[in-house]
């Protein structure tokens, strides 16, 4: 499960959402990704003599953009007007990883990521009126992520 991207989106979203300020959300999430990146690749290079450069560059790219994304997540959790739109971004990304979504079909690929989607719905929950809008935008984000092949 920890080799799939969904769990890292879930953990980073929780770190950013429950940080005290925008700046701490950005720093905490960045430090999480840098710590994970350095420890994992040093571990794999030392233990297995293997260093996948292309994956390392991809994760560096994600780590460099994580502070910006963490601020968006923090705003989605703490800003009342943006809490109707921004939570759909990480939830939609997790949904796109958990489901096969097409024009006329919906198929479950990973139950764990779907459970994490529901967990993020609880993290971002403000009112019963907010959730239908977030869920609709979530499906739009997931559909777009699948059509663009965002994670290939």
N, C-alpha and C. Protein backbone atom coordinates (compact mmCIF):
# COMPACT_ATOMS: atom_id res chain seq x y z
N UNK A 1 0.82 -1.19 0.00
CA UNK A 1 0.00 0.00 0.00
C UNK A 1 0.86 1.26 0.00
N UNK A 2 2.00 1.25 0.67
CA UNK A 2 2.85 2.44 0.74
C UNK A 2 3.66 2.67 -0.53
N UNK A 3 3.56 1.77 -1.48
CA UNK A 3 4.24 2.00 -2.76
C UNK A 3 3.33 2.73 -3.74
N UNK A 4 2.07 2.91 -3.38
CA UNK A 4 1.14 3.63 -4.26
C UNK A 4 1.05 5.10 -3.84
N UNK A 5 0.74 5.95 -4.79
CA UNK A 5 0.73 7.39 -4.58
C UNK A 5 -0.38 7.85 -3.65
N UNK A 6 -1.48 7.13 -3.59
CA UNK A 6 -2.64 7.56 -2.81
C UNK A 6 -2.36 7.77 -1.34
N UNK A 7 -1.60 6.90 -0.73
CA UNK A 7 -1.32 7.04 0.69
C UNK A 7 -0.49 8.28 0.97
N UNK A 8 0.40 8.65 0.05
CA UNK A 8 1.22 9.84 0.25
C UNK A 8 0.39 11.11 0.08
N UNK A 9 -0.56 11.09 -0.84
CA UNK A 9 -1.49 12.22 -0.96
C UNK A 9 -2.31 12.35 0.31
N UNK A 10 -2.79 11.22 0.83
CA UNK A 10 -3.60 11.22 2.04
C UNK A 10 -2.82 11.77 3.24
N UNK A 11 -1.63 11.28 3.46
CA UNK A 11 -0.82 11.72 4.61
C UNK A 11 -0.47 13.20 4.48
N UNK A 12 -0.03 13.62 3.30
CA UNK A 12 0.34 15.03 3.10
C UNK A 12 -0.87 15.94 3.27
N UNK A 13 -2.04 15.50 2.84
CA UNK A 13 -3.26 16.31 3.00
C UNK A 13 -3.61 16.46 4.47
N UNK A 14 -3.48 15.42 5.23
CA UNK A 14 -3.78 15.50 6.67
C UNK A 14 -2.76 16.41 7.37
N UNK A 15 -1.49 16.29 7.01
CA UNK A 15 -0.46 17.15 7.60
C UNK A 15 -0.78 18.61 7.31
N UNK A 16 -1.12 18.92 6.07
CA UNK A 16 -1.40 20.31 5.69
C UNK A 16 -2.69 20.82 6.32
N UNK A 17 -3.72 20.00 6.33
CA UNK A 17 -5.03 20.43 6.84
C UNK A 17 -4.99 20.74 8.33
N UNK A 18 -4.23 20.00 9.09
CA UNK A 18 -4.20 20.19 10.53
C UNK A 18 -3.02 21.02 11.03
N UNK A 19 -2.31 21.67 10.11
CA UNK A 19 -1.26 22.60 10.53
C UNK A 19 -1.91 23.89 11.04
N UNK A 20 -1.19 24.63 11.86
CA UNK A 20 -1.76 25.83 12.48
C UNK A 20 -1.88 27.01 11.53
N UNK A 21 -0.91 27.20 10.62
CA UNK A 21 -0.94 28.32 9.68
C UNK A 21 -0.59 27.82 8.28
N UNK A 22 -0.75 28.72 7.30
CA UNK A 22 -0.37 28.39 5.92
C UNK A 22 1.11 28.05 5.82
N UNK A 23 1.93 28.84 6.49
CA UNK A 23 3.38 28.65 6.41
C UNK A 23 3.79 27.32 7.03
N UNK A 24 3.22 26.99 8.18
CA UNK A 24 3.56 25.70 8.79
C UNK A 24 3.03 24.54 7.95
N UNK A 25 1.88 24.74 7.31
CA UNK A 25 1.37 23.69 6.41
C UNK A 25 2.35 23.45 5.27
N UNK A 26 2.85 24.54 4.68
CA UNK A 26 3.81 24.42 3.58
C UNK A 26 5.11 23.77 4.05
N UNK A 27 5.63 24.24 5.17
CA UNK A 27 6.90 23.69 5.67
C UNK A 27 6.76 22.24 6.12
N UNK A 28 5.70 21.93 6.85
CA UNK A 28 5.52 20.55 7.33
C UNK A 28 5.38 19.57 6.18
N UNK A 29 4.61 19.95 5.17
CA UNK A 29 4.42 19.05 4.03
C UNK A 29 5.70 18.90 3.22
N UNK A 30 6.41 20.00 3.02
CA UNK A 30 7.69 19.94 2.31
C UNK A 30 8.69 19.07 3.06
N UNK A 31 8.79 19.25 4.36
CA UNK A 31 9.72 18.44 5.16
C UNK A 31 9.31 16.97 5.16
N UNK A 32 8.02 16.69 5.15
CA UNK A 32 7.56 15.31 5.07
C UNK A 32 8.04 14.66 3.77
N UNK A 33 7.83 15.36 2.64
CA UNK A 33 8.23 14.77 1.37
C UNK A 33 9.74 14.67 1.23
N UNK A 34 10.48 15.68 1.69
CA UNK A 34 11.94 15.61 1.62
C UNK A 34 12.45 14.49 2.51
N UNK A 35 11.92 14.37 3.72
CA UNK A 35 12.33 13.30 4.63
C UNK A 35 12.03 11.93 4.06
N UNK A 36 10.84 11.77 3.49
CA UNK A 36 10.46 10.50 2.89
C UNK A 36 11.36 10.19 1.71
N UNK A 37 11.61 11.19 0.90
CA UNK A 37 12.42 11.03 -0.30
C UNK A 37 13.86 10.63 0.02
N UNK A 38 14.47 11.38 0.90
CA UNK A 38 15.88 11.11 1.25
C UNK A 38 16.01 9.76 1.94
N UNK A 39 15.16 9.49 2.91
CA UNK A 39 15.29 8.23 3.64
C UNK A 39 15.03 7.02 2.74
N UNK A 40 14.02 7.11 1.88
CA UNK A 40 13.71 5.97 1.02
C UNK A 40 14.82 5.70 0.01
N UNK A 41 15.32 6.73 -0.63
CA UNK A 41 16.31 6.51 -1.68
C UNK A 41 17.69 6.21 -1.12
N UNK A 42 18.05 6.75 0.03
CA UNK A 42 19.30 6.34 0.68
C UNK A 42 19.19 4.88 1.12
N UNK A 43 18.05 4.52 1.68
CA UNK A 43 17.80 3.14 2.11
C UNK A 43 17.90 2.18 0.93
N UNK A 44 17.25 2.51 -0.18
CA UNK A 44 17.27 1.59 -1.32
C UNK A 44 18.65 1.54 -1.97
N UNK A 45 19.36 2.66 -2.01
CA UNK A 45 20.71 2.66 -2.59
C UNK A 45 21.67 1.88 -1.71
N UNK A 46 21.58 2.05 -0.39
CA UNK A 46 22.49 1.37 0.53
C UNK A 46 22.18 -0.12 0.62
N UNK A 47 20.92 -0.44 0.80
CA UNK A 47 20.54 -1.83 1.04
C UNK A 47 20.54 -2.67 -0.23
N UNK A 48 20.04 -2.10 -1.32
CA UNK A 48 19.88 -2.88 -2.54
C UNK A 48 20.85 -2.48 -3.65
N UNK A 49 21.62 -1.40 -3.46
CA UNK A 49 22.52 -0.94 -4.50
C UNK A 49 21.79 -0.44 -5.73
N UNK A 50 20.60 0.10 -5.51
CA UNK A 50 19.72 0.51 -6.59
C UNK A 50 19.27 1.94 -6.36
N UNK A 51 19.45 2.80 -7.36
CA UNK A 51 19.01 4.19 -7.26
C UNK A 51 18.26 4.56 -8.54
N UNK A 52 16.92 4.52 -8.51
CA UNK A 52 16.13 4.84 -9.71
C UNK A 52 16.05 6.36 -9.92
N UNK A 53 16.87 6.87 -10.78
CA UNK A 53 17.00 8.32 -11.00
C UNK A 53 15.69 8.93 -11.50
N UNK A 54 15.00 8.28 -12.40
CA UNK A 54 13.78 8.88 -12.95
C UNK A 54 12.70 9.02 -11.87
N UNK A 55 12.55 8.04 -11.00
CA UNK A 55 11.59 8.15 -9.90
C UNK A 55 12.02 9.24 -8.92
N UNK A 56 13.31 9.31 -8.66
CA UNK A 56 13.83 10.32 -7.75
C UNK A 56 13.53 11.73 -8.26
N UNK A 57 13.74 11.96 -9.54
CA UNK A 57 13.46 13.27 -10.13
C UNK A 57 11.96 13.57 -10.06
N UNK A 58 11.13 12.58 -10.30
CA UNK A 58 9.68 12.78 -10.19
C UNK A 58 9.25 13.16 -8.79
N UNK A 59 9.81 12.49 -7.80
CA UNK A 59 9.47 12.81 -6.40
C UNK A 59 10.05 14.15 -5.98
N UNK A 60 11.20 14.53 -6.50
CA UNK A 60 11.74 15.87 -6.22
C UNK A 60 10.78 16.93 -6.75
N UNK A 61 10.25 16.70 -7.95
CA UNK A 61 9.27 17.61 -8.54
C UNK A 61 8.04 17.73 -7.65
N UNK A 62 7.54 16.62 -7.16
CA UNK A 62 6.38 16.64 -6.26
C UNK A 62 6.74 17.36 -4.96
N UNK A 63 7.91 17.09 -4.41
CA UNK A 63 8.32 17.74 -3.16
C UNK A 63 8.45 19.24 -3.33
N UNK A 64 8.95 19.70 -4.47
CA UNK A 64 9.10 21.13 -4.68
C UNK A 64 7.75 21.85 -4.80
N UNK A 65 6.75 21.19 -5.34
CA UNK A 65 5.42 21.79 -5.45
C UNK A 65 4.53 21.53 -4.25
N UNK A 66 4.96 20.69 -3.33
CA UNK A 66 4.13 20.37 -2.17
C UNK A 66 3.81 21.57 -1.28
N UNK A 67 4.69 22.55 -1.09
CA UNK A 67 4.29 23.69 -0.27
C UNK A 67 3.10 24.47 -0.85
N UNK A 68 3.09 24.66 -2.16
CA UNK A 68 1.97 25.35 -2.79
C UNK A 68 0.68 24.55 -2.63
N UNK A 69 0.75 23.27 -2.86
CA UNK A 69 -0.42 22.41 -2.71
C UNK A 69 -0.88 22.34 -1.25
N UNK A 70 0.08 22.37 -0.33
CA UNK A 70 -0.27 22.35 1.09
C UNK A 70 -1.02 23.61 1.49
N UNK A 71 -0.64 24.75 0.94
CA UNK A 71 -1.37 26.00 1.23
C UNK A 71 -2.80 25.90 0.70
N UNK A 72 -2.98 25.32 -0.48
CA UNK A 72 -4.33 25.13 -1.01
C UNK A 72 -5.16 24.22 -0.12
N UNK A 73 -4.55 23.15 0.37
CA UNK A 73 -5.25 22.24 1.28
C UNK A 73 -5.60 22.95 2.58
N UNK A 74 -4.65 23.72 3.12
CA UNK A 74 -4.90 24.44 4.37
C UNK A 74 -6.05 25.43 4.18
N UNK A 75 -6.05 26.14 3.07
CA UNK A 75 -7.14 27.08 2.78
C UNK A 75 -8.47 26.35 2.64
N UNK A 76 -8.46 25.18 2.02
CA UNK A 76 -9.67 24.38 1.88
C UNK A 76 -10.23 23.94 3.22
N UNK A 77 -9.38 23.74 4.18
CA UNK A 77 -9.82 23.33 5.52
C UNK A 77 -10.22 24.53 6.38
N UNK A 78 -9.53 25.66 6.24
CA UNK A 78 -9.71 26.76 7.19
C UNK A 78 -10.42 27.99 6.64
N UNK A 79 -10.62 28.09 5.35
CA UNK A 79 -11.30 29.23 4.75
C UNK A 79 -12.72 28.82 4.39
N UNK A 80 -13.70 29.48 4.98
CA UNK A 80 -15.09 29.06 4.81
C UNK A 80 -15.54 29.15 3.35
N UNK A 81 -15.18 30.23 2.67
CA UNK A 81 -15.63 30.37 1.28
C UNK A 81 -14.93 29.40 0.33
N UNK A 82 -13.68 29.07 0.59
CA UNK A 82 -12.96 28.13 -0.28
C UNK A 82 -13.19 26.67 0.09
N UNK A 83 -13.84 26.42 1.23
CA UNK A 83 -14.08 25.04 1.66
C UNK A 83 -15.12 24.34 0.80
N UNK A 84 -15.71 25.05 -0.13
CA UNK A 84 -16.68 24.45 -1.05
C UNK A 84 -16.01 23.91 -2.31
N UNK A 85 -14.76 24.36 -2.57
CA UNK A 85 -14.10 24.00 -3.83
C UNK A 85 -12.79 23.24 -3.60
N UNK A 86 -11.91 23.81 -2.79
CA UNK A 86 -10.54 23.27 -2.66
C UNK A 86 -10.44 21.85 -2.10
N UNK A 87 -11.32 21.41 -1.19
CA UNK A 87 -11.20 20.01 -0.74
C UNK A 87 -11.37 19.00 -1.86
N UNK A 88 -12.02 19.39 -2.94
CA UNK A 88 -12.24 18.47 -4.05
C UNK A 88 -10.95 18.10 -4.76
N UNK A 89 -9.91 18.92 -4.64
CA UNK A 89 -8.66 18.62 -5.34
C UNK A 89 -7.97 17.36 -4.81
N UNK A 90 -7.61 17.29 -3.51
CA UNK A 90 -6.97 16.05 -3.05
C UNK A 90 -7.93 14.86 -3.04
N UNK A 91 -9.20 15.11 -2.74
CA UNK A 91 -10.16 14.01 -2.74
C UNK A 91 -10.35 13.48 -4.16
N UNK A 92 -10.40 14.38 -5.14
CA UNK A 92 -10.53 13.97 -6.54
C UNK A 92 -9.32 13.20 -7.04
N UNK A 93 -8.13 13.61 -6.60
CA UNK A 93 -6.93 12.87 -7.00
C UNK A 93 -6.95 11.46 -6.42
N UNK A 94 -7.35 11.34 -5.15
CA UNK A 94 -7.46 9.99 -4.56
C UNK A 94 -8.54 9.18 -5.25
N UNK A 95 -9.65 9.82 -5.59
CA UNK A 95 -10.72 9.11 -6.28
C UNK A 95 -10.27 8.62 -7.64
N UNK A 96 -9.48 9.43 -8.34
CA UNK A 96 -8.98 9.01 -9.65
C UNK A 96 -8.02 7.82 -9.53
N UNK A 97 -7.33 7.73 -8.41
CA UNK A 97 -6.44 6.59 -8.19
C UNK A 97 -7.21 5.34 -7.77
N UNK A 98 -8.35 5.52 -7.13
CA UNK A 98 -9.09 4.37 -6.61
C UNK A 98 -10.09 3.80 -7.62
N UNK A 99 -10.58 4.64 -8.52
CA UNK A 99 -11.61 4.19 -9.46
C UNK A 99 -11.13 4.28 -10.89
N UNK A 100 -11.66 3.40 -11.70
CA UNK A 100 -11.54 3.54 -13.14
C UNK A 100 -12.75 4.34 -13.58
N UNK A 101 -12.51 5.51 -14.13
CA UNK A 101 -13.61 6.41 -14.48
C UNK A 101 -13.56 6.68 -15.97
N UNK A 102 -14.66 6.47 -16.63
CA UNK A 102 -14.78 6.78 -18.04
C UNK A 102 -16.10 7.48 -18.31
N UNK A 103 -16.41 7.65 -19.57
CA UNK A 103 -17.67 8.32 -19.90
C UNK A 103 -18.88 7.52 -19.47
N UNK A 104 -18.80 6.19 -19.59
CA UNK A 104 -19.97 5.36 -19.30
C UNK A 104 -19.71 4.24 -18.30
N UNK A 105 -18.63 4.36 -17.54
CA UNK A 105 -18.35 3.29 -16.57
C UNK A 105 -17.65 3.85 -15.34
N UNK A 106 -17.74 3.07 -14.28
CA UNK A 106 -17.08 3.36 -13.01
C UNK A 106 -16.68 2.02 -12.42
N UNK A 107 -15.39 1.82 -12.16
CA UNK A 107 -14.90 0.53 -11.67
C UNK A 107 -13.94 0.76 -10.51
N UNK A 108 -14.06 -0.03 -9.47
CA UNK A 108 -13.19 0.08 -8.30
C UNK A 108 -11.88 -0.65 -8.56
N UNK A 109 -10.76 0.09 -8.43
CA UNK A 109 -9.44 -0.51 -8.58
C UNK A 109 -8.81 -0.78 -7.21
N UNK A 110 -8.83 0.22 -6.32
CA UNK A 110 -8.20 0.09 -5.02
C UNK A 110 -9.16 0.54 -3.93
N UNK A 111 -9.56 -0.38 -3.10
CA UNK A 111 -10.48 -0.07 -2.00
C UNK A 111 -9.82 0.84 -0.97
N UNK A 112 -8.52 0.69 -0.74
CA UNK A 112 -7.83 1.49 0.26
C UNK A 112 -7.90 2.98 -0.07
N UNK A 113 -7.66 3.33 -1.34
CA UNK A 113 -7.73 4.73 -1.74
C UNK A 113 -9.15 5.27 -1.63
N UNK A 114 -10.14 4.42 -1.89
CA UNK A 114 -11.54 4.86 -1.74
C UNK A 114 -11.85 5.13 -0.27
N UNK A 115 -11.34 4.31 0.63
CA UNK A 115 -11.52 4.54 2.06
C UNK A 115 -10.83 5.85 2.47
N UNK A 116 -9.65 6.12 1.89
CA UNK A 116 -8.96 7.38 2.18
C UNK A 116 -9.75 8.58 1.66
N UNK A 117 -10.46 8.41 0.54
CA UNK A 117 -11.34 9.48 0.03
C UNK A 117 -12.40 9.82 1.07
N UNK A 118 -13.02 8.81 1.63
CA UNK A 118 -14.04 9.04 2.66
C UNK A 118 -13.41 9.68 3.90
N UNK A 119 -12.19 9.27 4.22
CA UNK A 119 -11.49 9.89 5.34
C UNK A 119 -11.24 11.36 5.11
N UNK A 120 -10.85 11.73 3.89
CA UNK A 120 -10.65 13.15 3.58
C UNK A 120 -11.96 13.91 3.57
N UNK A 121 -13.04 13.26 3.20
CA UNK A 121 -14.36 13.91 3.30
C UNK A 121 -14.65 14.28 4.75
N UNK A 122 -14.29 13.41 5.67
CA UNK A 122 -14.47 13.71 7.10
C UNK A 122 -13.55 14.83 7.56
N UNK A 123 -12.32 14.86 7.05
CA UNK A 123 -11.37 15.91 7.42
C UNK A 123 -11.89 17.28 6.99
N UNK A 124 -12.46 17.37 5.79
CA UNK A 124 -12.89 18.65 5.25
C UNK A 124 -14.35 18.98 5.52
N UNK A 125 -15.05 18.13 6.24
CA UNK A 125 -16.48 18.33 6.47
C UNK A 125 -16.73 19.60 7.29
N UNK A 126 -17.61 20.45 6.78
CA UNK A 126 -18.04 21.65 7.50
C UNK A 126 -19.53 21.63 7.78
N UNK A 127 -20.32 21.30 6.76
CA UNK A 127 -21.77 21.26 6.92
C UNK A 127 -22.36 20.28 5.90
N UNK A 128 -23.60 19.93 6.13
CA UNK A 128 -24.27 19.01 5.22
C UNK A 128 -24.51 19.68 3.86
N UNK A 129 -24.60 21.00 3.83
CA UNK A 129 -24.81 21.72 2.57
C UNK A 129 -23.53 21.76 1.73
N UNK A 130 -22.38 21.71 2.36
CA UNK A 130 -21.10 21.80 1.66
C UNK A 130 -20.78 20.52 0.89
N UNK A 131 -21.08 19.38 1.45
CA UNK A 131 -20.59 18.11 0.90
C UNK A 131 -21.12 17.77 -0.50
N UNK A 132 -22.38 18.00 -0.84
CA UNK A 132 -22.79 17.68 -2.23
C UNK A 132 -21.99 18.44 -3.28
N UNK A 133 -21.73 19.71 -3.04
CA UNK A 133 -20.91 20.49 -3.98
C UNK A 133 -19.50 19.96 -4.08
N UNK A 134 -18.91 19.63 -2.93
CA UNK A 134 -17.56 19.08 -2.92
C UNK A 134 -17.52 17.74 -3.66
N UNK A 135 -18.52 16.92 -3.46
CA UNK A 135 -18.55 15.60 -4.11
C UNK A 135 -18.70 15.74 -5.63
N UNK A 136 -19.52 16.67 -6.08
CA UNK A 136 -19.66 16.88 -7.53
C UNK A 136 -18.35 17.36 -8.14
N UNK A 137 -17.71 18.33 -7.50
CA UNK A 137 -16.43 18.84 -8.00
C UNK A 137 -15.36 17.75 -7.91
N UNK A 138 -15.43 16.91 -6.89
CA UNK A 138 -14.50 15.80 -6.74
C UNK A 138 -14.57 14.85 -7.94
N UNK A 139 -15.78 14.50 -8.36
CA UNK A 139 -15.92 13.63 -9.52
C UNK A 139 -15.42 14.30 -10.80
N UNK A 140 -15.62 15.61 -10.92
CA UNK A 140 -15.10 16.33 -12.09
C UNK A 140 -13.57 16.30 -12.09
N UNK A 141 -12.96 16.56 -10.93
CA UNK A 141 -11.50 16.53 -10.81
C UNK A 141 -10.97 15.13 -11.12
N UNK A 142 -11.62 14.10 -10.57
CA UNK A 142 -11.19 12.73 -10.82
C UNK A 142 -11.31 12.36 -12.29
N UNK A 143 -12.39 12.77 -12.92
CA UNK A 143 -12.59 12.47 -14.34
C UNK A 143 -11.52 13.16 -15.18
N UNK A 144 -11.24 14.41 -14.89
CA UNK A 144 -10.20 15.16 -15.63
C UNK A 144 -8.83 14.54 -15.41
N UNK A 145 -8.53 14.16 -14.16
CA UNK A 145 -7.23 13.52 -13.87
C UNK A 145 -7.08 12.22 -14.63
N UNK A 146 -8.14 11.46 -14.76
CA UNK A 146 -8.07 10.21 -15.52
C UNK A 146 -7.90 10.46 -17.00
N UNK A 147 -8.59 11.46 -17.54
CA UNK A 147 -8.51 11.74 -18.97
C UNK A 147 -7.15 12.32 -19.36
N UNK A 148 -6.54 13.08 -18.47
CA UNK A 148 -5.25 13.70 -18.74
C UNK A 148 -4.11 12.72 -18.47
N UNK A 149 -4.41 11.61 -17.80
CA UNK A 149 -3.39 10.63 -17.37
C UNK A 149 -2.35 11.32 -16.50
N UNK A 150 -2.79 11.98 -15.47
CA UNK A 150 -1.97 12.81 -14.63
C UNK A 150 -0.85 12.04 -13.94
N UNK A 151 -1.07 10.79 -13.61
CA UNK A 151 -0.10 10.04 -12.80
C UNK A 151 0.71 9.03 -13.58
N UNK A 152 0.84 9.21 -14.87
CA UNK A 152 1.65 8.27 -15.66
C UNK A 152 3.03 8.84 -15.84
